[in-house]
Amino acid sequence: MPSEHGHSQAEVERRIGAPSGRGYLRDMIYGGIDGAVTTFAIVAGVAGAGLSTGVILALGIANLLADGFSMAAGNYSGTKAERDDTRRLARVERRHLADDPEGERREIREILRLKGLKGDVLEAATDQIAADREAAVALMLTDEYGLAPVEPHPMRAALATFGAFLVAGSVPLVPFVLGLPDAFHLAAGMTFAVFFGIGAAKSLWSEAAWWRSGLETLLIGGLAAAVAYGVGTLFAH
């Protein structure tokens, strides 16, 4: 099996010295699934109520813009709060290093001991890290607080969510925009294909089989659509 990344000295230094962070996979999957689910839920609910194509398009487009922006804004605020908390804890650790260096040295030593260091090597590594304030702070953030070593980017996370929401959420509206016959059933088939496709693509970053991941996402989206359609039929008359 080929290696996922190279292990030459230059490759190791480049990868470890500038980690990429958590990326935007979560933001895109979250936005894509929610976009397809909420837009098709509206389409299913309105179609179940027997309303016109114009109503479907009006509500669907309104959902795309309003709910997509709302999700992006929420993700921006949440990611920014996460970043701000990381910065706050970094300031706390810098203050502790200045006010109680021996106490912080004990914390560093315990972290390294749990990583398998012992004896003279443990003491030497503890002294070395304690002497470098930023290295000590980075160690505390990851091992004491469980935070990622790379700060998230709120705006990029928000744009990833919004873009995925628009792309996936527009799919259920395509048959109605084009005025195709039997638009609702076409929209249902296309949306279910999007659900399955998102799940299958998600398996590239997990150990789940692509078909199992696809079916799981399809089931989640299909249940939401079924509920919306069922509620819509209650108002059909």
C-alpha atoms as a PDB file:
ATOM      1  CA  MET A   1       0.000   0.000   0.000  1.00  0.00           C
ATOM      2  CA  PRO A   2       1.532   3.358  -1.009  1.00  0.00           C
ATOM      3  CA  SER A   3       2.370   5.848   1.716  1.00  0.00           C
ATOM      4  CA  GLU A   4      -0.097   8.714   2.211  1.00  0.00           C
ATOM      5  CA  HIS A   5       2.797  11.213   2.394  1.00  0.00           C
ATOM      6  CA  GLY A   6       6.543  11.289   1.956  1.00  0.00           C
ATOM      7  CA  HIS A   7       9.061  10.825   4.755  1.00  0.00           C
ATOM      8  CA  SER A   8      12.207  12.459   3.412  1.00  0.00           C
ATOM      9  CA  GLN A   9      13.787  14.961   5.790  1.00  0.00           C
ATOM     10  CA  ALA A  10      12.597  17.914   3.688  1.00  0.00           C
ATOM     11  CA  GLU A  11       9.037  16.551   3.457  1.00  0.00           C
ATOM     12  CA  VAL A  12       8.885  15.875   7.190  1.00  0.00           C
ATOM     13  CA  GLU A  13      10.169  19.348   8.073  1.00  0.00           C
ATOM     14  CA  ARG A  14       7.725  21.004   5.684  1.00  0.00           C
ATOM     15  CA  ARG A  15       4.710  19.008   6.876  1.00  0.00           C
ATOM     16  CA  ILE A  16       5.426  19.171  10.615  1.00  0.00           C
ATOM     17  CA  GLY A  17       6.629  22.765  10.521  1.00  0.00           C
ATOM     18  CA  ALA A  18       3.517  24.070   8.796  1.00  0.00           C
ATOM     19  CA  PRO A  19       0.536  21.802   9.627  1.00  0.00           C
ATOM     20  CA  SER A  20      -2.573  22.401   7.560  1.00  0.00           C
ATOM     21  CA  GLY A  21      -5.040  22.297  10.450  1.00  0.00           C
ATOM     22  CA  ARG A  22      -8.400  20.562  10.444  1.00  0.00           C
ATOM     23  CA  GLY A  23      -9.343  21.791   6.958  1.00  0.00           C
ATOM     24  CA  TYR A  24     -12.878  22.480   5.754  1.00  0.00           C
ATOM     25  CA  LEU A  25     -14.247  18.988   5.137  1.00  0.00           C
ATOM     26  CA  ARG A  26     -16.611  19.203   8.109  1.00  0.00           C
ATOM     27  CA  ASP A  27     -17.879  22.629   7.032  1.00  0.00           C
ATOM     28  CA  MET A  28     -18.550  21.490   3.464  1.00  0.00           C
ATOM     29  CA  ILE A  29     -20.285  18.245   4.411  1.00  0.00           C
ATOM     30  CA  TYR A  30     -22.363  20.042   7.027  1.00  0.00           C
ATOM     31  CA  GLY A  31     -23.397  22.734   4.551  1.00  0.00           C
ATOM     32  CA  GLY A  32     -24.012  20.308   1.694  1.00  0.00           C
ATOM     33  CA  ILE A  33     -26.222  17.917   3.644  1.00  0.00           C
ATOM     34  CA  ASP A  34     -28.173  20.709   5.283  1.00  0.00           C
ATOM     35  CA  GLY A  35     -28.630  22.532   1.970  1.00  0.00           C
ATOM     36  CA  ALA A  36     -30.017  19.450   0.228  1.00  0.00           C
ATOM     37  CA  VAL A  37     -32.161  18.430   3.202  1.00  0.00           C
ATOM     38  CA  THR A  38     -33.754  21.801   3.944  1.00  0.00           C
ATOM     39  CA  THR A  39     -34.380  22.778   0.324  1.00  0.00           C
ATOM     40  CA  PHE A  40     -35.886  19.434  -0.603  1.00  0.00           C
ATOM     41  CA  ALA A  41     -37.874  19.452   2.631  1.00  0.00           C
ATOM     42  CA  ILE A  42     -39.461  22.708   1.466  1.00  0.00           C
ATOM     43  CA  VAL A  43     -40.035  21.308  -2.023  1.00  0.00           C
ATOM     44  CA  ALA A  44     -41.560  18.129  -0.564  1.00  0.00           C
ATOM     45  CA  GLY A  45     -43.727  19.997   1.900  1.00  0.00           C
ATOM     46  CA  VAL A  46     -45.063  22.445  -0.677  1.00  0.00           C
ATOM     47  CA  ALA A  47     -45.575  19.712  -3.266  1.00  0.00           C
ATOM     48  CA  GLY A  48     -47.350  17.609  -0.660  1.00  0.00           C
ATOM     49  CA  ALA A  49     -49.693  20.520  -0.032  1.00  0.00           C
ATOM     50  CA  GLY A  50     -50.458  20.682  -3.769  1.00  0.00           C
ATOM     51  CA  LEU A  51     -49.197  24.248  -4.237  1.00  0.00           C
ATOM     52  CA  SER A  52     -47.876  25.729  -7.469  1.00  0.00           C
ATOM     53  CA  THR A  53     -44.389  25.630  -8.965  1.00  0.00           C
ATOM     54  CA  GLY A  54     -44.078  29.364  -8.356  1.00  0.00           C
ATOM     55  CA  VAL A  55     -44.539  28.855  -4.627  1.00  0.00           C
ATOM     56  CA  ILE A  56     -41.979  26.046  -4.643  1.00  0.00           C
ATOM     57  CA  LEU A  57     -39.406  28.242  -6.378  1.00  0.00           C
ATOM     58  CA  ALA A  58     -40.079  31.270  -4.180  1.00  0.00           C
ATOM     59  CA  LEU A  59     -39.733  29.331  -0.947  1.00  0.00           C
ATOM     60  CA  GLY A  60     -36.841  27.233  -2.223  1.00  0.00           C
ATOM     61  CA  ILE A  61     -34.772  30.220  -3.362  1.00  0.00           C
ATOM     62  CA  ALA A  62     -35.570  32.081  -0.155  1.00  0.00           C
ATOM     63  CA  ASN A  63     -34.335  29.072   1.791  1.00  0.00           C
ATOM     64  CA  LEU A  64     -31.157  28.857  -0.280  1.00  0.00           C
ATOM     65  CA  LEU A  65     -30.189  32.449   0.438  1.00  0.00           C
ATOM     66  CA  ALA A  66     -31.553  32.986   3.941  1.00  0.00           C
ATOM     67  CA  ASP A  67     -30.805  29.604   5.503  1.00  0.00           C
ATOM     68  CA  GLY A  68     -27.477  29.340   3.696  1.00  0.00           C
ATOM     69  CA  PHE A  69     -26.416  32.732   5.014  1.00  0.00           C
ATOM     70  CA  SER A  70     -27.686  31.844   8.479  1.00  0.00           C
ATOM     71  CA  MET A  71     -25.654  28.637   8.528  1.00  0.00           C
ATOM     72  CA  ALA A  72     -22.552  30.432   7.290  1.00  0.00           C
ATOM     73  CA  ALA A  73     -22.971  33.175   9.879  1.00  0.00           C
ATOM     74  CA  GLY A  74     -23.465  30.604  12.626  1.00  0.00           C
ATOM     75  CA  ASN A  75     -20.386  28.678  11.538  1.00  0.00           C
ATOM     76  CA  TYR A  76     -18.380  31.913  11.375  1.00  0.00           C
ATOM     77  CA  SER A  77     -19.428  32.877  14.906  1.00  0.00           C
ATOM     78  CA  GLY A  78     -18.779  29.407  16.296  1.00  0.00           C
ATOM     79  CA  THR A  79     -15.370  29.097  14.621  1.00  0.00           C
ATOM     80  CA  LYS A  80     -14.402  32.600  15.737  1.00  0.00           C
ATOM     81  CA  ALA A  81     -15.401  31.753  19.326  1.00  0.00           C
ATOM     82  CA  GLU A  82     -13.241  28.620  19.109  1.00  0.00           C
ATOM     83  CA  ARG A  83     -10.303  30.665  17.826  1.00  0.00           C
ATOM     84  CA  ASP A  84     -10.772  33.373  20.461  1.00  0.00           C
ATOM     85  CA  ASP A  85     -10.891  30.773  23.230  1.00  0.00           C
ATOM     86  CA  THR A  86      -7.614  29.283  21.971  1.00  0.00           C
ATOM     87  CA  ARG A  87      -5.998  32.717  22.065  1.00  0.00           C
ATOM     88  CA  ARG A  88      -7.364  33.357  25.568  1.00  0.00           C
ATOM     89  CA  LEU A  89      -5.929  30.092  26.873  1.00  0.00           C
ATOM     90  CA  ALA A  90      -2.593  30.870  25.228  1.00  0.00           C
ATOM     91  CA  ARG A  91      -2.487  34.176  27.132  1.00  0.00           C
ATOM     92  CA  VAL A  92      -3.328  32.322  30.354  1.00  0.00           C
ATOM     93  CA  GLU A  93      -0.456  29.892  29.819  1.00  0.00           C
ATOM     94  CA  ARG A  94       2.005  32.692  29.030  1.00  0.00           C
ATOM     95  CA  ARG A  95       1.013  34.392  32.262  1.00  0.00           C
ATOM     96  CA  HIS A  96       1.422  31.151  34.210  1.00  0.00           C
ATOM     97  CA  LEU A  97       4.857  30.599  32.694  1.00  0.00           C
ATOM     98  CA  ALA A  98       5.869  34.034  33.928  1.00  0.00           C
ATOM     99  CA  ASP A  99       4.224  33.829  37.383  1.00  0.00           C
ATOM    100  CA  ASP A 100       4.800  30.181  38.271  1.00  0.00           C
ATOM    101  CA  PRO A 101       7.511  28.686  36.039  1.00  0.00           C
ATOM    102  CA  GLU A 102       8.143  25.736  38.356  1.00  0.00           C
ATOM    103  CA  GLY A 103       4.465  24.756  38.359  1.00  0.00           C
ATOM    104  CA  GLU A 104       4.369  24.929  34.566  1.00  0.00           C
ATOM    105  CA  ARG A 105       7.564  22.887  34.392  1.00  0.00           C
ATOM    106  CA  ARG A 106       5.827  20.147  36.398  1.00  0.00           C
ATOM    107  CA  GLU A 107       2.939  20.189  33.900  1.00  0.00           C
ATOM    108  CA  ILE A 108       5.334  19.931  30.958  1.00  0.00           C
ATOM    109  CA  ARG A 109       7.188  17.090  32.645  1.00  0.00           C
ATOM    110  CA  GLU A 110       3.949  15.171  33.262  1.00  0.00           C
ATOM    111  CA  ILE A 111       2.833  15.605  29.641  1.00  0.00           C
ATOM    112  CA  LEU A 112       6.164  14.292  28.380  1.00  0.00           C
ATOM    113  CA  ARG A 113       6.139  11.430  30.883  1.00  0.00           C
ATOM    114  CA  LEU A 114       2.787  10.299  29.542  1.00  0.00           C
ATOM    115  CA  LYS A 115       4.270  10.376  26.046  1.00  0.00           C
ATOM    116  CA  GLY A 116       6.816   7.768  27.125  1.00  0.00           C
ATOM    117  CA  LEU A 117       9.883   9.816  28.078  1.00  0.00           C
ATOM    118  CA  LYS A 118      11.741   8.904  31.267  1.00  0.00           C
ATOM    119  CA  GLY A 119      14.950   9.421  33.179  1.00  0.00           C
ATOM    120  CA  ASP A 120      17.529  11.920  31.986  1.00  0.00           C
ATOM    121  CA  VAL A 121      15.825  12.224  28.612  1.00  0.00           C
ATOM    122  CA  LEU A 122      12.599  13.327  30.306  1.00  0.00           C
ATOM    123  CA  GLU A 123      14.379  15.940  32.422  1.00  0.00           C
ATOM    124  CA  ALA A 124      16.379  17.279  29.490  1.00  0.00           C
ATOM    125  CA  ALA A 125      13.313  17.522  27.251  1.00  0.00           C
ATOM    126  CA  THR A 126      11.358  19.236  30.033  1.00  0.00           C
ATOM    127  CA  ASP A 127      14.117  21.822  30.497  1.00  0.00           C
ATOM    128  CA  GLN A 128      14.375  22.406  26.771  1.00  0.00           C
ATOM    129  CA  ILE A 129      10.653  23.007  26.236  1.00  0.00           C
ATOM    130  CA  ALA A 130      10.254  25.063  29.407  1.00  0.00           C
ATOM    131  CA  ALA A 131      12.996  27.369  28.156  1.00  0.00           C
ATOM    132  CA  ASP A 132      11.028  28.100  24.941  1.00  0.00           C
ATOM    133  CA  ARG A 133       7.858  29.938  25.933  1.00  0.00           C
ATOM    134  CA  GLU A 134       5.962  29.480  22.665  1.00  0.00           C
ATOM    135  CA  ALA A 135       6.861  25.788  22.459  1.00  0.00           C
ATOM    136  CA  ALA A 136       5.612  25.361  26.019  1.00  0.00           C
ATOM    137  CA  VAL A 137       2.370  27.197  25.228  1.00  0.00           C
ATOM    138  CA  ALA A 138       1.784  25.063  22.127  1.00  0.00           C
ATOM    139  CA  LEU A 139       2.345  21.898  24.163  1.00  0.00           C
ATOM    140  CA  MET A 140      -0.131  23.056  26.818  1.00  0.00           C
ATOM    141  CA  LEU A 141      -2.803  23.914  24.254  1.00  0.00           C
ATOM    142  CA  THR A 142      -2.680  20.502  22.613  1.00  0.00           C
ATOM    143  CA  ASP A 143      -2.049  18.232  25.613  1.00  0.00           C
ATOM    144  CA  GLU A 144      -3.627  20.103  28.516  1.00  0.00           C
ATOM    145  CA  TYR A 145      -6.674  21.560  26.748  1.00  0.00           C
ATOM    146  CA  GLY A 146      -7.012  19.219  23.767  1.00  0.00           C
ATOM    147  CA  LEU A 147      -6.997  22.042  21.222  1.00  0.00           C
ATOM    148  CA  ALA A 148      -5.712  21.909  17.665  1.00  0.00           C
ATOM    149  CA  PRO A 149      -2.251  23.411  17.178  1.00  0.00           C
ATOM    150  CA  VAL A 150      -3.415  25.466  14.172  1.00  0.00           C
ATOM    151  CA  GLU A 151      -5.965  28.232  14.565  1.00  0.00           C
ATOM    152  CA  PRO A 152      -9.154  27.878  12.493  1.00  0.00           C
ATOM    153  CA  HIS A 153     -10.131  30.544   9.949  1.00  0.00           C
ATOM    154  CA  PRO A 154     -13.723  31.705  10.623  1.00  0.00           C
ATOM    155  CA  MET A 155     -14.330  33.366   7.253  1.00  0.00           C
ATOM    156  CA  ARG A 156     -12.998  30.439   5.234  1.00  0.00           C
ATOM    157  CA  ALA A 157     -15.102  28.025   7.279  1.00  0.00           C
ATOM    158  CA  ALA A 158     -18.190  30.181   6.687  1.00  0.00           C
ATOM    159  CA  LEU A 159     -17.559  30.406   2.936  1.00  0.00           C
ATOM    160  CA  ALA A 160     -17.042  26.632   2.704  1.00  0.00           C
ATOM    161  CA  THR A 161     -20.376  26.049   4.431  1.00  0.00           C
ATOM    162  CA  PHE A 162     -22.224  28.631   2.349  1.00  0.00           C
ATOM    163  CA  GLY A 163     -20.776  27.388  -0.955  1.00  0.00           C
ATOM    164  CA  ALA A 164     -21.622  23.747  -0.227  1.00  0.00           C
ATOM    165  CA  PHE A 165     -25.114  24.755   0.929  1.00  0.00           C
ATOM    166  CA  LEU A 166     -25.799  26.665  -2.318  1.00  0.00           C
ATOM    167  CA  VAL A 167     -24.483  23.909  -4.592  1.00  0.00           C
ATOM    168  CA  ALA A 168     -26.282  20.998  -2.919  1.00  0.00           C
ATOM    169  CA  GLY A 169     -29.377  23.027  -2.034  1.00  0.00           C
ATOM    170  CA  SER A 170     -29.954  24.176  -5.605  1.00  0.00           C
ATOM    171  CA  VAL A 171     -30.281  20.597  -6.917  1.00  0.00           C
ATOM    172  CA  PRO A 172     -33.925  20.027  -5.814  1.00  0.00           C
ATOM    173  CA  LEU A 173     -34.956  23.240  -7.585  1.00  0.00           C
ATOM    174  CA  VAL A 174     -33.409  22.473 -10.981  1.00  0.00           C
ATOM    175  CA  PRO A 175     -36.361  20.466 -12.433  1.00  0.00           C
ATOM    176  CA  PHE A 176     -38.774  23.267 -11.421  1.00  0.00           C
ATOM    177  CA  VAL A 177     -36.560  26.016 -12.832  1.00  0.00           C
ATOM    178  CA  LEU A 178     -36.342  24.132 -16.144  1.00  0.00           C
ATOM    179  CA  GLY A 179     -40.091  23.395 -16.158  1.00  0.00           C
ATOM    180  CA  LEU A 180     -39.524  19.671 -16.624  1.00  0.00           C
ATOM    181  CA  PRO A 181     -42.472  17.278 -16.509  1.00  0.00           C
ATOM    182  CA  ASP A 182     -42.916  15.310 -13.289  1.00  0.00           C
ATOM    183  CA  ALA A 183     -40.568  17.794 -11.651  1.00  0.00           C
ATOM    184  CA  PHE A 184     -41.173  16.631  -8.100  1.00  0.00           C
ATOM    185  CA  HIS A 185     -40.125  13.034  -8.724  1.00  0.00           C
ATOM    186  CA  LEU A 186     -37.092  14.221 -10.685  1.00  0.00           C
ATOM    187  CA  ALA A 187     -36.181  16.528  -7.803  1.00  0.00           C
ATOM    188  CA  ALA A 188     -36.542  13.646  -5.360  1.00  0.00           C
ATOM    189  CA  GLY A 189     -34.297  11.369  -7.421  1.00  0.00           C
ATOM    190  CA  MET A 190     -31.649  14.068  -7.915  1.00  0.00           C
ATOM    191  CA  THR A 191     -31.685  15.016  -4.243  1.00  0.00           C
ATOM    192  CA  PHE A 192     -31.367  11.423  -3.087  1.00  0.00           C
ATOM    193  CA  ALA A 193     -28.432  11.058  -5.489  1.00  0.00           C
ATOM    194  CA  VAL A 194     -26.834  14.111  -3.844  1.00  0.00           C
ATOM    195  CA  PHE A 195     -27.357  12.595  -0.392  1.00  0.00           C
ATOM    196  CA  PHE A 196     -25.721   9.372  -1.504  1.00  0.00           C
ATOM    197  CA  GLY A 197     -22.915  11.217  -3.309  1.00  0.00           C
ATOM    198  CA  ILE A 198     -22.048  13.330  -0.265  1.00  0.00           C
ATOM    199  CA  GLY A 199     -21.948  10.242   1.915  1.00  0.00           C
ATOM    200  CA  ALA A 200     -19.861   8.290  -0.584  1.00  0.00           C
ATOM    201  CA  ALA A 201     -17.403  11.185  -0.941  1.00  0.00           C
ATOM    202  CA  LYS A 202     -17.179  11.468   2.850  1.00  0.00           C
ATOM    203  CA  SER A 203     -15.842   7.902   2.959  1.00  0.00           C
ATOM    204  CA  LEU A 204     -12.612   9.113   1.329  1.00  0.00           C
ATOM    205  CA  TRP A 205     -11.699  10.617   4.716  1.00  0.00           C
ATOM    206  CA  SER A 206     -12.952   7.748   6.862  1.00  0.00           C
ATOM    207  CA  GLU A 207     -12.616   3.993   7.157  1.00  0.00           C
ATOM    208  CA  ALA A 208     -16.252   3.325   6.254  1.00  0.00           C
ATOM    209  CA  ALA A 209     -17.097   1.643   2.956  1.00  0.00           C
ATOM    210  CA  TRP A 210     -18.261   4.174   0.352  1.00  0.00           C
ATOM    211  CA  TRP A 211     -21.624   2.470  -0.133  1.00  0.00           C
ATOM    212  CA  ARG A 212     -22.280   2.271   3.609  1.00  0.00           C
ATOM    213  CA  SER A 213     -21.435   5.946   4.116  1.00  0.00           C
ATOM    214  CA  GLY A 214     -23.587   6.851   1.117  1.00  0.00           C
ATOM    215  CA  LEU A 215     -26.569   4.858   2.361  1.00  0.00           C
ATOM    216  CA  GLU A 216     -26.261   6.370   5.843  1.00  0.00           C
ATOM    217  CA  THR A 217     -26.428   9.915   4.492  1.00  0.00           C
ATOM    218  CA  LEU A 218     -29.220   8.932   2.098  1.00  0.00           C
ATOM    219  CA  LEU A 219     -31.238   7.546   5.007  1.00  0.00           C
ATOM    220  CA  ILE A 220     -30.807  10.736   7.058  1.00  0.00           C
ATOM    221  CA  GLY A 221     -31.836  12.993   4.175  1.00  0.00           C
ATOM    222  CA  GLY A 222     -34.647  10.700   3.068  1.00  0.00           C
ATOM    223  CA  LEU A 223     -36.201  10.667   6.538  1.00  0.00           C
ATOM    224  CA  ALA A 224     -36.173  14.466   6.687  1.00  0.00           C
ATOM    225  CA  ALA A 225     -37.788  14.675   3.255  1.00  0.00           C
ATOM    226  CA  ALA A 226     -40.429  12.091   4.155  1.00  0.00           C
ATOM    227  CA  VAL A 227     -41.389  13.995   7.290  1.00  0.00           C
ATOM    228  CA  ALA A 228     -41.694  17.261   5.350  1.00  0.00           C
ATOM    229  CA  TYR A 229     -43.788  15.665   2.606  1.00  0.00           C
ATOM    230  CA  GLY A 230     -46.044  14.002   5.170  1.00  0.00           C
ATOM    231  CA  VAL A 231     -46.638  17.313   6.940  1.00  0.00           C
ATOM    232  CA  GLY A 232     -47.358  18.971   3.597  1.00  0.00           C
ATOM    233  CA  THR A 233     -50.007  16.438   2.693  1.00  0.00           C
ATOM    234  CA  LEU A 234     -51.913  17.371   5.857  1.00  0.00           C
ATOM    235  CA  PHE A 235     -52.564  20.777   4.275  1.00  0.00           C
ATOM    236  CA  ALA A 236     -53.272  19.533   0.778  1.00  0.00           C
ATOM    237  CA  HIS A 237     -56.969  20.349   1.094  1.00  0.00           C
END
